[in-house]
Amino acid sequence: MARPGSEHPTELELEILKILWDEAPLPVRDVRARLEAQAARPLAHSSVITTLNIMYHKGFVKRKKDGKSFLFSPKLQKKAVTGGILGDLLSRVFDGSSSALVMNLIETADLDSEELAALRKLIARKAKEQQQ
C-alpha cells in the first residue's frame, strides 16, 4: 500500500524550494547543478524533472514554457512552508507548547553569543508588546 501524501515538502522537494527561493526562475539543468553542488553526488536529470513535475502537481512550484524547456519558480512562500512544518512539529512533538519548543531549542542547540543576544531582544520585544 502506498504511503499517504504529505502536505509538507519531502526533503528533496524542500532542497529544491530553497534553491528556487534564492534564485528563480530556473530550468531543470540549473536546479540539478545546484542540487549536485550541495549534495556532492550525481543526480539524474530524469529524477530532478520528475520531482519538479510532482512538485508542480502538488502546487509547490509553477512553471513557464521557455523554448523547449520549462523555467520553474516557487509557488509557495518560504514563510508559509516553514510555518507549516514548524506548526506540525509543534503539534506532534511538543503538544502545541511553543515554550517547550523554544526551551528545547535553547538547551540542545549550539547557540553562539550573537544568537543568544538576538533571542533576548526578541523575547524582550514580545514581552513589551504583551504589556501594551
N, C-alpha and C. Protein backbone atom coordinates (compact mmCIF):
# COMPACT_ATOMS: atom_id res chain seq x y z
N MET A 1 0.84 -1.17 0.00
CA MET A 1 0.00 0.00 0.00
C MET A 1 0.89 1.24 0.00
N ALA A 2 0.55 2.21 -0.81
CA ALA A 2 1.34 3.43 -0.91
C ALA A 2 1.15 4.29 0.34
N ARG A 3 2.23 4.97 0.69
CA ARG A 3 2.19 5.88 1.82
C ARG A 3 1.35 7.10 1.44
N PRO A 4 0.50 7.59 2.36
CA PRO A 4 -0.30 8.77 2.03
C PRO A 4 0.59 9.99 1.83
N GLY A 5 0.18 10.87 0.92
CA GLY A 5 0.95 12.07 0.63
C GLY A 5 0.96 13.01 1.81
N SER A 6 2.01 13.80 1.88
CA SER A 6 2.15 14.77 2.95
C SER A 6 1.83 16.15 2.42
N GLU A 7 1.29 16.99 3.28
CA GLU A 7 1.04 18.37 2.87
C GLU A 7 2.33 19.17 2.86
N HIS A 8 3.38 18.62 3.48
CA HIS A 8 4.67 19.29 3.55
C HIS A 8 5.62 18.71 2.50
N PRO A 9 6.56 19.52 2.02
CA PRO A 9 7.53 19.02 1.03
C PRO A 9 8.43 17.92 1.63
N THR A 10 8.81 16.99 0.78
CA THR A 10 9.79 15.98 1.18
C THR A 10 11.15 16.67 1.32
N GLU A 11 12.14 15.93 1.75
CA GLU A 11 13.48 16.50 1.93
C GLU A 11 14.03 17.05 0.60
N LEU A 12 13.91 16.28 -0.47
CA LEU A 12 14.40 16.74 -1.78
C LEU A 12 13.57 17.92 -2.27
N GLU A 13 12.26 17.86 -2.10
CA GLU A 13 11.42 18.98 -2.52
C GLU A 13 11.77 20.26 -1.77
N LEU A 14 12.08 20.13 -0.50
CA LEU A 14 12.48 21.30 0.29
C LEU A 14 13.81 21.86 -0.18
N GLU A 15 14.75 20.99 -0.54
CA GLU A 15 16.03 21.46 -1.07
C GLU A 15 15.82 22.22 -2.39
N ILE A 16 14.93 21.72 -3.21
CA ILE A 16 14.62 22.39 -4.47
C ILE A 16 13.95 23.74 -4.20
N LEU A 17 13.02 23.78 -3.27
CA LEU A 17 12.36 25.04 -2.93
C LEU A 17 13.38 26.07 -2.42
N LYS A 18 14.32 25.63 -1.61
CA LYS A 18 15.36 26.55 -1.10
C LYS A 18 16.15 27.16 -2.26
N ILE A 19 16.48 26.35 -3.23
CA ILE A 19 17.20 26.85 -4.41
C ILE A 19 16.35 27.86 -5.17
N LEU A 20 15.08 27.52 -5.37
CA LEU A 20 14.18 28.40 -6.12
C LEU A 20 13.86 29.68 -5.34
N TRP A 21 13.80 29.62 -4.01
CA TRP A 21 13.58 30.83 -3.23
C TRP A 21 14.75 31.80 -3.39
N ASP A 22 15.95 31.25 -3.55
CA ASP A 22 17.15 32.10 -3.69
C ASP A 22 17.27 32.69 -5.08
N GLU A 23 16.95 31.90 -6.09
CA GLU A 23 17.08 32.38 -7.47
C GLU A 23 16.13 31.62 -8.38
N ALA A 24 15.17 32.33 -8.87
CA ALA A 24 14.19 31.73 -9.77
C ALA A 24 13.77 32.80 -10.77
N PRO A 25 13.32 32.43 -11.91
CA PRO A 25 13.06 31.07 -12.39
C PRO A 25 14.35 30.39 -12.85
N LEU A 26 14.33 29.06 -12.78
CA LEU A 26 15.47 28.26 -13.22
C LEU A 26 15.00 27.08 -14.06
N PRO A 27 15.79 26.72 -15.07
CA PRO A 27 15.49 25.48 -15.81
C PRO A 27 15.96 24.27 -14.99
N VAL A 28 15.50 23.11 -15.37
CA VAL A 28 15.83 21.87 -14.67
C VAL A 28 17.35 21.69 -14.55
N ARG A 29 18.09 21.95 -15.62
CA ARG A 29 19.54 21.72 -15.58
C ARG A 29 20.23 22.55 -14.51
N ASP A 30 19.74 23.79 -14.29
CA ASP A 30 20.34 24.65 -13.25
C ASP A 30 19.95 24.19 -11.86
N VAL A 31 18.70 23.74 -11.69
CA VAL A 31 18.28 23.18 -10.40
C VAL A 31 19.13 21.96 -10.09
N ARG A 32 19.29 21.10 -11.07
CA ARG A 32 20.10 19.88 -10.90
C ARG A 32 21.54 20.22 -10.54
N ALA A 33 22.14 21.19 -11.22
CA ALA A 33 23.53 21.57 -10.94
C ALA A 33 23.68 22.07 -9.51
N ARG A 34 22.73 22.87 -9.04
CA ARG A 34 22.81 23.39 -7.68
C ARG A 34 22.60 22.28 -6.64
N LEU A 35 21.69 21.36 -6.93
CA LEU A 35 21.48 20.22 -6.04
C LEU A 35 22.74 19.37 -5.94
N GLU A 36 23.37 19.11 -7.08
CA GLU A 36 24.59 18.30 -7.09
C GLU A 36 25.72 19.00 -6.34
N ALA A 37 25.82 20.30 -6.47
CA ALA A 37 26.87 21.05 -5.77
C ALA A 37 26.67 20.96 -4.25
N GLN A 38 25.43 20.97 -3.82
CA GLN A 38 25.13 20.88 -2.39
C GLN A 38 25.31 19.46 -1.86
N ALA A 39 24.87 18.49 -2.62
CA ALA A 39 24.87 17.11 -2.16
C ALA A 39 26.17 16.38 -2.45
N ALA A 40 26.98 16.92 -3.34
CA ALA A 40 28.23 16.29 -3.75
C ALA A 40 28.00 14.85 -4.24
N ARG A 41 26.87 14.66 -4.92
CA ARG A 41 26.58 13.36 -5.52
C ARG A 41 25.82 13.60 -6.81
N PRO A 42 26.02 12.74 -7.78
CA PRO A 42 25.33 12.95 -9.05
C PRO A 42 23.83 12.65 -8.94
N LEU A 43 23.05 13.45 -9.64
CA LEU A 43 21.60 13.24 -9.71
C LEU A 43 21.21 13.14 -11.18
N ALA A 44 20.37 12.18 -11.48
CA ALA A 44 19.92 12.01 -12.86
C ALA A 44 18.97 13.15 -13.23
N HIS A 45 19.12 13.63 -14.45
CA HIS A 45 18.25 14.69 -14.96
C HIS A 45 16.79 14.26 -14.84
N SER A 46 16.53 13.00 -15.17
CA SER A 46 15.15 12.49 -15.13
C SER A 46 14.58 12.52 -13.70
N SER A 47 15.42 12.28 -12.70
CA SER A 47 14.96 12.31 -11.31
C SER A 47 14.56 13.73 -10.91
N VAL A 48 15.35 14.70 -11.33
CA VAL A 48 15.06 16.09 -10.98
C VAL A 48 13.80 16.57 -11.69
N ILE A 49 13.67 16.27 -12.99
CA ILE A 49 12.48 16.70 -13.72
C ILE A 49 11.23 16.01 -13.17
N THR A 50 11.34 14.74 -12.80
CA THR A 50 10.21 14.03 -12.21
C THR A 50 9.80 14.69 -10.89
N THR A 51 10.77 15.01 -10.06
CA THR A 51 10.47 15.65 -8.78
C THR A 51 9.84 17.02 -8.99
N LEU A 52 10.38 17.80 -9.92
CA LEU A 52 9.81 19.12 -10.21
C LEU A 52 8.38 19.00 -10.74
N ASN A 53 8.12 18.00 -11.56
CA ASN A 53 6.76 17.80 -12.08
C ASN A 53 5.80 17.38 -10.97
N ILE A 54 6.26 16.54 -10.06
CA ILE A 54 5.44 16.17 -8.90
C ILE A 54 5.14 17.42 -8.07
N MET A 55 6.18 18.25 -7.86
CA MET A 55 6.01 19.49 -7.09
C MET A 55 5.02 20.43 -7.79
N TYR A 56 5.06 20.44 -9.12
CA TYR A 56 4.12 21.27 -9.89
C TYR A 56 2.68 20.80 -9.65
N HIS A 57 2.48 19.49 -9.68
CA HIS A 57 1.14 18.94 -9.50
C HIS A 57 0.66 19.09 -8.05
N LYS A 58 1.58 19.14 -7.10
CA LYS A 58 1.23 19.37 -5.70
C LYS A 58 0.95 20.86 -5.44
N GLY A 59 1.33 21.72 -6.37
CA GLY A 59 1.14 23.15 -6.19
C GLY A 59 2.28 23.84 -5.47
N PHE A 60 3.44 23.18 -5.38
CA PHE A 60 4.60 23.77 -4.71
C PHE A 60 5.38 24.72 -5.61
N VAL A 61 5.38 24.44 -6.93
CA VAL A 61 6.11 25.27 -7.89
C VAL A 61 5.20 25.59 -9.07
N LYS A 62 5.59 26.61 -9.80
CA LYS A 62 4.91 26.93 -11.06
C LYS A 62 5.97 26.84 -12.15
N ARG A 63 5.51 26.68 -13.38
CA ARG A 63 6.45 26.56 -14.49
C ARG A 63 5.96 27.39 -15.67
N LYS A 64 6.94 27.84 -16.43
CA LYS A 64 6.65 28.66 -17.61
C LYS A 64 7.47 28.11 -18.76
N LYS A 65 6.83 27.89 -19.87
CA LYS A 65 7.50 27.37 -21.06
C LYS A 65 8.52 28.38 -21.56
N ASP A 66 9.73 27.90 -21.84
CA ASP A 66 10.80 28.74 -22.36
C ASP A 66 11.50 27.94 -23.46
N GLY A 67 11.07 28.15 -24.69
CA GLY A 67 11.59 27.33 -25.79
C GLY A 67 11.11 25.91 -25.64
N LYS A 68 12.07 24.96 -25.60
CA LYS A 68 11.71 23.55 -25.47
C LYS A 68 11.70 23.09 -24.01
N SER A 69 12.05 23.98 -23.09
CA SER A 69 12.10 23.58 -21.68
C SER A 69 11.17 24.45 -20.84
N PHE A 70 11.16 24.16 -19.55
CA PHE A 70 10.36 24.93 -18.60
C PHE A 70 11.29 25.65 -17.63
N LEU A 71 10.85 26.82 -17.19
CA LEU A 71 11.50 27.54 -16.10
C LEU A 71 10.62 27.36 -14.88
N PHE A 72 11.23 26.96 -13.76
CA PHE A 72 10.48 26.69 -12.53
C PHE A 72 10.71 27.80 -11.51
N SER A 73 9.63 28.14 -10.81
CA SER A 73 9.65 29.13 -9.74
C SER A 73 8.84 28.59 -8.57
N PRO A 74 9.15 29.05 -7.36
CA PRO A 74 8.34 28.59 -6.22
C PRO A 74 6.95 29.21 -6.27
N LYS A 75 5.96 28.42 -5.96
CA LYS A 75 4.59 28.92 -5.88
C LYS A 75 4.27 29.24 -4.42
N LEU A 76 4.95 28.55 -3.52
CA LEU A 76 4.74 28.74 -2.09
C LEU A 76 5.78 29.70 -1.53
N GLN A 77 5.36 30.55 -0.61
CA GLN A 77 6.28 31.46 0.08
C GLN A 77 7.05 30.66 1.13
N LYS A 78 8.30 31.05 1.34
CA LYS A 78 9.13 30.38 2.33
C LYS A 78 8.48 30.40 3.71
N LYS A 79 7.92 31.54 4.08
CA LYS A 79 7.30 31.70 5.40
C LYS A 79 6.14 30.72 5.58
N ALA A 80 5.36 30.49 4.53
CA ALA A 80 4.23 29.57 4.62
C ALA A 80 4.70 28.13 4.81
N VAL A 81 5.75 27.75 4.09
CA VAL A 81 6.27 26.38 4.19
C VAL A 81 6.90 26.15 5.56
N THR A 82 7.77 27.08 5.98
CA THR A 82 8.44 26.90 7.27
C THR A 82 7.44 26.95 8.42
N GLY A 83 6.44 27.83 8.28
CA GLY A 83 5.40 27.91 9.31
C GLY A 83 4.60 26.63 9.41
N GLY A 84 4.29 26.04 8.26
CA GLY A 84 3.54 24.78 8.26
C GLY A 84 4.33 23.64 8.87
N ILE A 85 5.60 23.54 8.52
CA ILE A 85 6.45 22.48 9.06
C ILE A 85 6.64 22.68 10.56
N LEU A 86 6.89 23.93 10.96
CA LEU A 86 7.09 24.22 12.38
C LEU A 86 5.81 23.97 13.17
N GLY A 87 4.67 24.35 12.60
CA GLY A 87 3.39 24.09 13.27
C GLY A 87 3.14 22.60 13.46
N ASP A 88 3.50 21.81 12.46
CA ASP A 88 3.35 20.36 12.56
C ASP A 88 4.26 19.80 13.64
N LEU A 89 5.51 20.27 13.67
CA LEU A 89 6.47 19.84 14.69
C LEU A 89 5.97 20.23 16.08
N LEU A 90 5.51 21.45 16.20
CA LEU A 90 4.99 21.96 17.48
C LEU A 90 3.84 21.08 17.99
N SER A 91 2.93 20.75 17.09
CA SER A 91 1.78 19.95 17.46
C SER A 91 2.16 18.50 17.80
N ARG A 92 2.95 17.89 16.93
CA ARG A 92 3.24 16.46 17.09
C ARG A 92 4.26 16.15 18.16
N VAL A 93 5.26 17.01 18.33
CA VAL A 93 6.35 16.72 19.26
C VAL A 93 6.19 17.43 20.60
N PHE A 94 5.71 18.66 20.57
CA PHE A 94 5.65 19.47 21.79
C PHE A 94 4.23 19.72 22.27
N ASP A 95 3.27 18.95 21.79
CA ASP A 95 1.86 19.07 22.21
C ASP A 95 1.35 20.51 22.16
N GLY A 96 1.82 21.27 21.18
CA GLY A 96 1.36 22.63 20.98
C GLY A 96 2.02 23.68 21.87
N SER A 97 2.99 23.28 22.66
CA SER A 97 3.64 24.21 23.58
C SER A 97 4.82 24.91 22.92
N SER A 98 4.62 26.19 22.60
CA SER A 98 5.70 26.97 21.99
C SER A 98 6.88 27.12 22.94
N SER A 99 6.58 27.32 24.22
CA SER A 99 7.68 27.49 25.19
C SER A 99 8.51 26.21 25.30
N ALA A 100 7.88 25.05 25.24
CA ALA A 100 8.63 23.79 25.29
C ALA A 100 9.55 23.66 24.08
N LEU A 101 9.05 24.08 22.92
CA LEU A 101 9.87 24.04 21.71
C LEU A 101 11.07 24.96 21.84
N VAL A 102 10.84 26.19 22.27
CA VAL A 102 11.92 27.17 22.39
C VAL A 102 12.93 26.73 23.46
N MET A 103 12.44 26.25 24.58
CA MET A 103 13.35 25.80 25.64
C MET A 103 14.20 24.62 25.16
N ASN A 104 13.58 23.71 24.44
CA ASN A 104 14.33 22.58 23.90
C ASN A 104 15.39 23.06 22.92
N LEU A 105 15.04 24.00 22.09
CA LEU A 105 15.99 24.55 21.13
C LEU A 105 17.18 25.20 21.85
N ILE A 106 16.89 26.01 22.85
CA ILE A 106 17.96 26.69 23.58
C ILE A 106 18.85 25.68 24.31
N GLU A 107 18.24 24.65 24.86
CA GLU A 107 19.01 23.64 25.60
C GLU A 107 19.85 22.74 24.70
N THR A 108 19.34 22.43 23.52
CA THR A 108 20.02 21.43 22.68
C THR A 108 20.85 22.01 21.54
N ALA A 109 20.56 23.24 21.13
CA ALA A 109 21.28 23.84 20.01
C ALA A 109 22.58 24.47 20.50
N ASP A 110 23.54 24.54 19.60
CA ASP A 110 24.82 25.17 19.91
C ASP A 110 24.72 26.64 19.47
N LEU A 111 24.13 27.46 20.33
CA LEU A 111 23.90 28.86 20.01
C LEU A 111 25.11 29.69 20.41
N ASP A 112 25.51 30.60 19.52
CA ASP A 112 26.61 31.49 19.87
C ASP A 112 26.06 32.73 20.57
N SER A 113 26.95 33.60 21.03
CA SER A 113 26.53 34.76 21.82
C SER A 113 25.65 35.71 21.00
N GLU A 114 25.90 35.83 19.71
CA GLU A 114 25.06 36.69 18.86
C GLU A 114 23.64 36.15 18.76
N GLU A 115 23.52 34.85 18.60
CA GLU A 115 22.19 34.24 18.51
C GLU A 115 21.44 34.38 19.84
N LEU A 116 22.16 34.18 20.95
CA LEU A 116 21.53 34.34 22.26
C LEU A 116 21.08 35.78 22.47
N ALA A 117 21.90 36.74 22.06
CA ALA A 117 21.53 38.15 22.19
C ALA A 117 20.30 38.46 21.34
N ALA A 118 20.24 37.91 20.14
CA ALA A 118 19.08 38.12 19.28
C ALA A 118 17.82 37.53 19.90
N LEU A 119 17.95 36.36 20.52
CA LEU A 119 16.81 35.74 21.21
C LEU A 119 16.34 36.60 22.38
N ARG A 120 17.30 37.14 23.15
CA ARG A 120 16.94 38.01 24.28
C ARG A 120 16.17 39.23 23.80
N LYS A 121 16.64 39.85 22.71
CA LYS A 121 15.96 41.03 22.16
C LYS A 121 14.55 40.68 21.70
N LEU A 122 14.42 39.54 21.03
CA LEU A 122 13.11 39.11 20.55
C LEU A 122 12.15 38.86 21.72
N ILE A 123 12.63 38.19 22.75
CA ILE A 123 11.81 37.91 23.92
C ILE A 123 11.41 39.22 24.61
N ALA A 124 12.35 40.13 24.74
CA ALA A 124 12.05 41.43 25.36
C ALA A 124 11.01 42.20 24.55
N ARG A 125 11.16 42.20 23.22
CA ARG A 125 10.20 42.88 22.36
C ARG A 125 8.81 42.28 22.47
N LYS A 126 8.75 40.95 22.46
CA LYS A 126 7.45 40.27 22.58
C LYS A 126 6.81 40.55 23.95
N ALA A 127 7.61 40.58 25.01
CA ALA A 127 7.10 40.88 26.35
C ALA A 127 6.55 42.30 26.40
N LYS A 128 7.25 43.22 25.76
CA LYS A 128 6.80 44.63 25.73
C LYS A 128 5.49 44.74 24.95
N GLU A 129 5.37 44.01 23.83
CA GLU A 129 4.14 44.02 23.05
C GLU A 129 2.97 43.49 23.86
N GLN A 130 3.21 42.47 24.70
CA GLN A 130 2.16 41.89 25.52
C GLN A 130 1.66 42.86 26.57
N GLN A 131 2.55 43.73 27.07
CA GLN A 131 2.19 44.69 28.10
C GLN A 131 1.37 45.86 27.55
N GLN A 132 1.48 46.10 26.27
CA GLN A 132 0.77 47.25 25.66
C GLN A 132 -0.65 46.94 25.34
